[in-house]
Amino acid sequence: MEVSPASYYDPAVVALCAEQQTELEERYAGTDEAPQGIDPEATFLVARIGREPVGCAGLLPLGPRMAEVTRMYVRPIHRGQGISRLLLARVEDLAREREVRRLRLETGDLQPESIGLYQSAGYTRVPAYGRYVGSPLSLCFEKHLWPVRS
């Protein structure tokens, strides 16, 4: 498996984010949650097996030394293989390279697999922030990063 950087307009990112949105719309059918676009300020990482893109994750700047993990997604057929954990670790590495010291993220209350991943990776619940304030389905998490010692 290979993880490589990609832009928000990369066809793999566009396809994976569209699949993620479809899955979320199905999971949250009947709610008022609005579809999310792909933020052009985000830097993406794409996981590939051979040439096939199987997952992605984005890093979106939020402010000085703060960023958000966004658009974390692995195709269902490839879940349970550690790809999401690898993508999360690589996004954290990218954040450290950019001197980010606090990572935030949002997931939905109907996504126990995501909640479990984030909690097991050291993220703790925080109050809703930014566009998630007032969303009854959103759960927000945060992790403090420390510089890698050489």
Protein backbone atom coordinates (compact mmCIF):
# COMPACT_ATOMS: atom_id res chain seq x y z
CA MET A 1 0.00 0.00 0.00
CA GLU A 2 1.14 3.52 -0.79
CA VAL A 3 0.00 6.82 0.71
CA SER A 4 0.72 9.92 -1.35
CA PRO A 5 -0.26 13.60 -1.33
CA ALA A 6 -3.03 14.84 -3.60
CA SER A 7 -4.90 18.07 -4.26
CA TYR A 8 -8.60 18.59 -3.65
CA TYR A 9 -9.28 18.33 -7.39
CA ASP A 10 -7.40 15.06 -7.90
CA PRO A 11 -9.85 12.58 -9.51
CA ALA A 12 -9.17 10.04 -6.73
CA VAL A 13 -10.03 12.59 -4.02
CA VAL A 14 -13.15 13.71 -5.87
CA ALA A 15 -14.35 10.10 -6.34
CA LEU A 16 -13.62 9.03 -2.76
CA CYS A 17 -15.29 12.12 -1.28
CA ALA A 18 -18.37 11.54 -3.48
CA GLU A 19 -18.57 7.95 -2.22
CA GLN A 20 -18.21 9.18 1.35
CA GLN A 21 -21.00 11.70 0.86
CA THR A 22 -23.31 9.03 -0.59
CA GLU A 23 -22.61 6.75 2.38
CA LEU A 24 -23.28 9.57 4.85
CA GLU A 25 -26.52 10.53 3.13
CA GLU A 26 -27.68 6.91 3.41
CA ARG A 27 -26.58 6.59 7.03
CA TYR A 28 -28.20 9.87 8.05
CA ALA A 29 -31.32 9.63 5.85
CA GLY A 30 -34.13 11.83 7.08
CA THR A 31 -31.90 14.34 8.86
CA ASP A 32 -31.31 17.94 7.90
CA GLU A 33 -27.55 17.56 7.54
CA ALA A 34 -26.38 19.48 4.47
CA PRO A 35 -23.90 17.92 2.05
CA GLN A 36 -20.33 19.08 2.52
CA GLY A 37 -18.18 20.21 -0.37
CA ILE A 38 -14.47 19.57 -0.66
CA ASP A 39 -12.59 22.51 0.83
CA PRO A 40 -9.89 23.72 -1.59
CA GLU A 41 -7.74 24.76 1.38
CA ALA A 42 -7.32 21.12 2.43
CA THR A 43 -4.29 19.04 1.56
CA PHE A 44 -5.17 15.41 0.91
CA LEU A 45 -3.48 12.07 1.26
CA VAL A 46 -4.68 9.14 -0.82
CA ALA A 47 -4.08 5.50 0.07
CA ARG A 48 -3.69 3.18 -2.91
CA ILE A 49 -3.37 -0.55 -3.29
CA GLY A 50 -1.57 -0.90 -6.57
CA ARG A 51 -3.10 1.85 -8.67
CA GLU A 52 -6.52 1.68 -7.01
CA PRO A 53 -7.37 4.52 -4.62
CA VAL A 54 -8.91 2.96 -1.52
CA GLY A 55 -9.04 5.81 0.99
CA CYS A 56 -8.29 9.44 1.68
CA ALA A 57 -7.91 11.99 4.45
CA GLY A 58 -7.49 15.74 4.38
CA LEU A 59 -5.74 18.31 6.53
CA LEU A 60 -7.48 21.67 6.68
CA PRO A 61 -5.81 24.67 8.36
CA LEU A 62 -8.02 26.26 11.04
CA GLY A 63 -5.68 28.83 12.53
CA PRO A 64 -2.20 29.24 13.95
CA ARG A 65 -0.88 25.79 14.86
CA MET A 66 -4.37 24.29 14.53
CA ALA A 67 -5.87 22.14 11.76
CA GLU A 68 -8.75 19.78 11.12
CA VAL A 69 -8.67 16.20 9.88
CA THR A 70 -11.33 16.18 7.20
CA ARG A 71 -12.84 13.82 4.64
CA MET A 72 -11.41 10.70 6.25
CA TYR A 73 -12.78 7.80 4.21
CA VAL A 74 -11.93 4.22 3.29
CA ARG A 75 -13.95 2.26 0.76
CA PRO A 76 -16.08 -0.37 2.55
CA ILE A 77 -14.44 -3.34 0.83
CA HIS A 78 -11.05 -2.24 2.22
CA ARG A 79 -12.11 -1.55 5.79
CA GLY A 80 -10.69 -3.56 8.65
CA GLN A 81 -7.20 -3.62 7.14
CA GLY A 82 -5.69 -0.71 9.11
CA ILE A 83 -5.93 1.76 6.23
CA SER A 84 -7.82 4.40 8.21
CA ARG A 85 -5.33 4.13 11.08
CA LEU A 86 -2.45 4.53 8.61
CA LEU A 87 -4.10 7.54 6.94
CA LEU A 88 -4.72 9.15 10.33
CA ALA A 89 -1.09 8.63 11.35
CA ARG A 90 0.14 10.12 8.06
CA VAL A 91 -2.17 13.15 8.42
CA GLU A 92 -0.76 13.66 11.92
CA ASP A 93 2.78 13.46 10.48
CA LEU A 94 1.85 16.04 7.85
CA ALA A 95 0.41 18.28 10.56
CA ARG A 96 3.61 18.04 12.59
CA GLU A 97 5.65 18.95 9.50
CA ARG A 98 3.50 22.08 9.24
CA GLU A 99 4.03 22.83 12.93
CA VAL A 100 0.41 22.12 13.84
CA ARG A 101 0.10 21.43 17.54
CA ARG A 102 -3.65 20.83 17.84
CA LEU A 103 -5.73 18.66 15.52
CA ARG A 104 -9.49 18.69 15.55
CA LEU A 105 -12.04 16.59 13.74
CA GLU A 106 -15.74 15.96 13.52
CA THR A 107 -17.64 12.75 13.03
CA GLY A 108 -21.28 11.80 13.29
CA ASP A 109 -23.02 10.19 16.20
CA LEU A 110 -24.05 7.26 13.97
CA GLN A 111 -20.45 6.33 13.11
CA PRO A 112 -19.24 4.16 16.01
CA GLU A 113 -16.34 2.78 13.96
CA SER A 114 -14.99 6.31 13.42
CA ILE A 115 -15.51 7.26 17.05
CA GLY A 116 -13.62 4.14 18.14
CA LEU A 117 -10.74 4.85 15.76
CA TYR A 118 -10.33 8.43 16.93
CA GLN A 119 -10.56 7.60 20.62
CA SER A 120 -8.07 4.75 20.29
CA ALA A 121 -5.69 7.16 18.50
CA GLY A 122 -5.74 9.57 21.44
CA TYR A 123 -8.46 12.02 20.42
CA THR A 124 -10.75 13.31 23.16
CA ARG A 125 -14.22 14.83 22.91
CA VAL A 126 -14.43 18.61 22.83
CA PRO A 127 -17.34 21.02 22.40
CA ALA A 128 -18.49 21.59 18.84
CA TYR A 129 -16.46 24.17 16.95
CA GLY A 130 -16.84 26.19 13.76
CA ARG A 131 -19.53 25.01 11.37
CA TYR A 132 -20.43 22.13 13.70
CA VAL A 133 -21.78 24.35 16.49
CA GLY A 134 -25.47 23.62 16.82
CA SER A 135 -25.37 20.34 14.88
CA PRO A 136 -27.02 17.72 17.09
CA LEU A 137 -25.44 14.86 15.10
CA SER A 138 -21.84 16.10 15.28
CA LEU A 139 -19.27 14.83 17.74
CA CYS A 140 -16.02 16.79 17.83
CA PHE A 141 -12.63 15.54 18.95
CA GLU A 142 -9.17 16.99 19.49
CA LYS A 143 -5.61 15.78 19.91
CA HIS A 144 -2.53 17.70 20.93
CA LEU A 145 0.51 16.91 18.82
CA TRP A 146 4.06 17.21 19.94
CA PRO A 147 7.07 17.77 17.71
CA VAL A 148 8.91 14.70 16.52
CA ARG A 149 12.28 14.50 18.23
CA SER A 150 15.26 13.82 16.03
